[in-house]
Amino acid sequence: MEASEARAGAEAEAEAEAEAEAERALDRDMWRRLRGCRIALLTGDLSRVLARRELAGRCRTVTVGRSDLHAIAGKGLAGVLRPDGVLLVESAKYLVEVRRDQAAAYETNLVERVRGEGFERLADDACQQDAQLVFRRSP
């Protein structure tokens, strides 16, 4: 009995070590992929942030929360993005207090506003199935 318990304990320990090593390998791979990546959190009044000259044409991606939907139009998002820049906007998917028809109206309104700023919606993107709507600057 003691031998089988010892074997089971050794197997559990080996399994835990294998899982830990797999996790470490994933971490190494993630950090390798992120090498050279820079993330800048720009907070405050959106119109003031977007008016900063040092941001002109420098951003690859801009993420905007749903509370800033009203601030997208006419605020210069296209000006801070690179020509191939991507705009991510929070969807209404996880808003508990919103009905489906309200979420659909939000999305329609968002797409119209963003199109008016020179963006086109990207279709079949994994983010769009989750919590964000994805747009790219129109050519």
C-alpha atoms as a PDB file:
ATOM      1  CA  MET A   1       0.000   0.000   0.000  1.00  0.00           C
ATOM      2  CA  GLU A   2       2.784   2.434   0.890  1.00  0.00           C
ATOM      3  CA  ALA A   3       4.539   1.808  -2.430  1.00  0.00           C
ATOM      4  CA  SER A   4       1.402   2.579  -4.427  1.00  0.00           C
ATOM      5  CA  GLU A   5       0.801   5.746  -2.389  1.00  0.00           C
ATOM      6  CA  ALA A   6       4.395   6.812  -2.957  1.00  0.00           C
ATOM      7  CA  ARG A   7       4.041   6.102  -6.684  1.00  0.00           C
ATOM      8  CA  ALA A   8       0.787   8.097  -6.849  1.00  0.00           C
ATOM      9  CA  GLY A   9       2.414  10.969  -4.982  1.00  0.00           C
ATOM     10  CA  ALA A  10       5.419  10.933  -7.328  1.00  0.00           C
ATOM     11  CA  GLU A  11       3.130  10.856 -10.373  1.00  0.00           C
ATOM     12  CA  ALA A  12       1.096  13.788  -9.053  1.00  0.00           C
ATOM     13  CA  GLU A  13       4.294  15.714  -8.351  1.00  0.00           C
ATOM     14  CA  ALA A  14       5.635  14.962 -11.841  1.00  0.00           C
ATOM     15  CA  GLU A  15       2.324  16.037 -13.392  1.00  0.00           C
ATOM     16  CA  ALA A  16       2.335  19.296 -11.423  1.00  0.00           C
ATOM     17  CA  GLU A  17       5.930  19.987 -12.500  1.00  0.00           C
ATOM     18  CA  ALA A  18       5.040  19.289 -16.153  1.00  0.00           C
ATOM     19  CA  GLU A  19       2.114  21.715 -15.929  1.00  0.00           C
ATOM     20  CA  ALA A  20       4.352  24.340 -14.320  1.00  0.00           C
ATOM     21  CA  GLU A  21       6.959  23.921 -17.066  1.00  0.00           C
ATOM     22  CA  ALA A  22       4.286  24.235 -19.762  1.00  0.00           C
ATOM     23  CA  GLU A  23       3.100  27.464 -18.091  1.00  0.00           C
ATOM     24  CA  ARG A  24       6.672  28.798 -17.980  1.00  0.00           C
ATOM     25  CA  ALA A  25       7.079  27.986 -21.695  1.00  0.00           C
ATOM     26  CA  LEU A  26       3.891  29.933 -22.484  1.00  0.00           C
ATOM     27  CA  ASP A  27       5.160  32.884 -20.445  1.00  0.00           C
ATOM     28  CA  ARG A  28       8.511  32.857 -22.279  1.00  0.00           C
ATOM     29  CA  ASP A  29       6.715  32.752 -25.632  1.00  0.00           C
ATOM     30  CA  MET A  30       4.390  35.619 -24.641  1.00  0.00           C
ATOM     31  CA  TRP A  31       7.267  37.838 -23.521  1.00  0.00           C
ATOM     32  CA  ARG A  32       9.203  37.002 -26.707  1.00  0.00           C
ATOM     33  CA  ARG A  33       6.229  38.098 -28.821  1.00  0.00           C
ATOM     34  CA  LEU A  34       5.796  41.307 -26.817  1.00  0.00           C
ATOM     35  CA  ARG A  35       9.438  42.346 -27.174  1.00  0.00           C
ATOM     36  CA  GLY A  36       9.480  45.831 -28.639  1.00  0.00           C
ATOM     37  CA  CYS A  37       5.788  46.398 -27.929  1.00  0.00           C
ATOM     38  CA  ARG A  38       4.871  49.667 -26.221  1.00  0.00           C
ATOM     39  CA  ILE A  39       1.602  50.418 -24.521  1.00  0.00           C
ATOM     40  CA  ALA A  40       0.724  53.978 -23.614  1.00  0.00           C
ATOM     41  CA  LEU A  41      -2.309  54.705 -21.481  1.00  0.00           C
ATOM     42  CA  LEU A  42      -3.589  58.138 -22.382  1.00  0.00           C
ATOM     43  CA  THR A  43      -6.264  59.281 -19.996  1.00  0.00           C
ATOM     44  CA  GLY A  44      -8.277  62.410 -19.519  1.00  0.00           C
ATOM     45  CA  ASP A  45     -10.387  64.525 -21.827  1.00  0.00           C
ATOM     46  CA  LEU A  46     -10.395  62.642 -25.140  1.00  0.00           C
ATOM     47  CA  SER A  47     -10.457  65.780 -27.292  1.00  0.00           C
ATOM     48  CA  ARG A  48      -7.385  67.157 -25.482  1.00  0.00           C
ATOM     49  CA  VAL A  49      -5.509  63.865 -25.722  1.00  0.00           C
ATOM     50  CA  LEU A  50      -6.212  63.564 -29.456  1.00  0.00           C
ATOM     51  CA  ALA A  51      -5.142  67.166 -30.060  1.00  0.00           C
ATOM     52  CA  ARG A  52      -1.603  66.482 -28.815  1.00  0.00           C
ATOM     53  CA  ARG A  53       0.759  67.107 -31.746  1.00  0.00           C
ATOM     54  CA  GLU A  54       3.238  64.469 -30.612  1.00  0.00           C
ATOM     55  CA  LEU A  55       0.595  61.771 -31.199  1.00  0.00           C
ATOM     56  CA  ALA A  56      -0.119  62.678 -34.830  1.00  0.00           C
ATOM     57  CA  GLY A  57       0.124  59.522 -36.936  1.00  0.00           C
ATOM     58  CA  ARG A  58       1.977  57.558 -34.257  1.00  0.00           C
ATOM     59  CA  CYS A  59      -0.590  55.110 -32.891  1.00  0.00           C
ATOM     60  CA  ARG A  60      -1.046  51.644 -34.341  1.00  0.00           C
ATOM     61  CA  THR A  61      -4.132  50.955 -32.269  1.00  0.00           C
ATOM     62  CA  VAL A  62      -6.509  53.094 -30.240  1.00  0.00           C
ATOM     63  CA  THR A  63      -9.021  51.572 -27.837  1.00  0.00           C
ATOM     64  CA  VAL A  64     -12.050  53.628 -26.849  1.00  0.00           C
ATOM     65  CA  GLY A  65     -14.609  52.694 -24.199  1.00  0.00           C
ATOM     66  CA  ARG A  66     -18.344  52.871 -24.795  1.00  0.00           C
ATOM     67  CA  SER A  67     -18.616  55.897 -22.531  1.00  0.00           C
ATOM     68  CA  ASP A  68     -16.575  57.866 -25.090  1.00  0.00           C
ATOM     69  CA  LEU A  69     -18.825  57.063 -28.055  1.00  0.00           C
ATOM     70  CA  HIS A  70     -20.117  60.630 -28.025  1.00  0.00           C
ATOM     71  CA  ALA A  71     -16.547  61.910 -28.260  1.00  0.00           C
ATOM     72  CA  ILE A  72     -15.482  59.918 -31.328  1.00  0.00           C
ATOM     73  CA  ALA A  73     -17.042  62.179 -33.951  1.00  0.00           C
ATOM     74  CA  GLY A  74     -14.895  65.147 -34.841  1.00  0.00           C
ATOM     75  CA  LYS A  75     -12.209  64.466 -32.245  1.00  0.00           C
ATOM     76  CA  GLY A  76      -9.378  63.501 -34.554  1.00  0.00           C
ATOM     77  CA  LEU A  77      -9.054  59.769 -34.027  1.00  0.00           C
ATOM     78  CA  ALA A  78      -7.919  59.350 -37.612  1.00  0.00           C
ATOM     79  CA  GLY A  79      -5.209  61.945 -37.005  1.00  0.00           C
ATOM     80  CA  VAL A  80      -3.457  60.003 -34.249  1.00  0.00           C
ATOM     81  CA  LEU A  81      -3.566  56.651 -36.021  1.00  0.00           C
ATOM     82  CA  ARG A  82      -1.045  55.455 -38.569  1.00  0.00           C
ATOM     83  CA  PRO A  83      -2.439  54.924 -42.083  1.00  0.00           C
ATOM     84  CA  ASP A  84      -2.956  51.224 -41.284  1.00  0.00           C
ATOM     85  CA  GLY A  85      -4.197  51.994 -37.766  1.00  0.00           C
ATOM     86  CA  VAL A  86      -6.882  50.032 -35.974  1.00  0.00           C
ATOM     87  CA  LEU A  87      -9.643  51.415 -33.769  1.00  0.00           C
ATOM     88  CA  LEU A  88     -11.150  49.163 -31.098  1.00  0.00           C
ATOM     89  CA  VAL A  89     -14.420  50.285 -29.530  1.00  0.00           C
ATOM     90  CA  GLU A  90     -16.081  48.573 -26.596  1.00  0.00           C
ATOM     91  CA  SER A  91     -19.287  46.809 -27.591  1.00  0.00           C
ATOM     92  CA  ALA A  92     -22.478  46.529 -25.579  1.00  0.00           C
ATOM     93  CA  LYS A  93     -22.194  42.759 -25.299  1.00  0.00           C
ATOM     94  CA  TYR A  94     -21.532  42.588 -21.560  1.00  0.00           C
ATOM     95  CA  LEU A  95     -23.768  45.437 -20.434  1.00  0.00           C
ATOM     96  CA  VAL A  96     -26.302  43.835 -18.139  1.00  0.00           C
ATOM     97  CA  GLU A  97     -28.808  46.678 -18.158  1.00  0.00           C
ATOM     98  CA  VAL A  98     -29.058  46.817 -21.968  1.00  0.00           C
ATOM     99  CA  ARG A  99     -31.682  44.936 -23.975  1.00  0.00           C
ATOM    100  CA  ARG A 100     -30.770  43.291 -27.288  1.00  0.00           C
ATOM    101  CA  ASP A 101     -32.561  45.955 -29.320  1.00  0.00           C
ATOM    102  CA  GLN A 102     -30.655  48.675 -27.447  1.00  0.00           C
ATOM    103  CA  ALA A 103     -27.346  46.873 -28.058  1.00  0.00           C
ATOM    104  CA  ALA A 104     -28.165  46.634 -31.784  1.00  0.00           C
ATOM    105  CA  ALA A 105     -29.035  50.354 -31.890  1.00  0.00           C
ATOM    106  CA  TYR A 106     -25.765  51.164 -30.085  1.00  0.00           C
ATOM    107  CA  GLU A 107     -23.784  49.188 -32.647  1.00  0.00           C
ATOM    108  CA  THR A 108     -25.581  50.814 -35.591  1.00  0.00           C
ATOM    109  CA  ASN A 109     -24.987  54.295 -34.143  1.00  0.00           C
ATOM    110  CA  LEU A 110     -21.350  53.475 -33.453  1.00  0.00           C
ATOM    111  CA  VAL A 111     -20.705  52.201 -36.972  1.00  0.00           C
ATOM    112  CA  GLU A 112     -22.275  55.341 -38.487  1.00  0.00           C
ATOM    113  CA  ARG A 113     -20.202  57.677 -36.306  1.00  0.00           C
ATOM    114  CA  VAL A 114     -16.961  55.847 -36.928  1.00  0.00           C
ATOM    115  CA  ARG A 115     -17.575  55.631 -40.683  1.00  0.00           C
ATOM    116  CA  GLY A 116     -18.055  59.385 -40.688  1.00  0.00           C
ATOM    117  CA  GLU A 117     -14.557  59.701 -39.203  1.00  0.00           C
ATOM    118  CA  GLY A 118     -12.988  57.715 -42.067  1.00  0.00           C
ATOM    119  CA  PHE A 119     -12.990  54.167 -40.683  1.00  0.00           C
ATOM    120  CA  GLU A 120     -14.361  50.920 -42.038  1.00  0.00           C
ATOM    121  CA  ARG A 121     -15.488  48.008 -39.934  1.00  0.00           C
ATOM    122  CA  LEU A 122     -13.456  44.831 -40.148  1.00  0.00           C
ATOM    123  CA  ALA A 123     -15.592  41.733 -40.514  1.00  0.00           C
ATOM    124  CA  ASP A 124     -15.081  38.309 -38.967  1.00  0.00           C
ATOM    125  CA  ASP A 125     -12.609  39.450 -36.368  1.00  0.00           C
ATOM    126  CA  ALA A 126     -12.358  37.457 -33.123  1.00  0.00           C
ATOM    127  CA  CYS A 127     -12.565  40.653 -31.065  1.00  0.00           C
ATOM    128  CA  GLN A 128     -15.925  41.518 -32.610  1.00  0.00           C
ATOM    129  CA  GLN A 129     -17.318  38.259 -31.326  1.00  0.00           C
ATOM    130  CA  ASP A 130     -16.223  39.236 -27.864  1.00  0.00           C
ATOM    131  CA  ALA A 131     -16.275  42.697 -26.348  1.00  0.00           C
ATOM    132  CA  GLN A 132     -14.969  45.052 -29.014  1.00  0.00           C
ATOM    133  CA  LEU A 133     -15.876  46.284 -32.470  1.00  0.00           C
ATOM    134  CA  VAL A 134     -12.867  46.564 -34.755  1.00  0.00           C
ATOM    135  CA  PHE A 135     -12.326  49.272 -37.379  1.00  0.00           C
ATOM    136  CA  ARG A 136      -9.470  50.223 -39.718  1.00  0.00           C
ATOM    137  CA  ARG A 137      -8.801  53.561 -41.334  1.00  0.00           C
ATOM    138  CA  SER A 138     -10.357  53.664 -44.800  1.00  0.00           C
ATOM    139  CA  PRO A 139      -7.813  53.805 -47.620  1.00  0.00           C
END
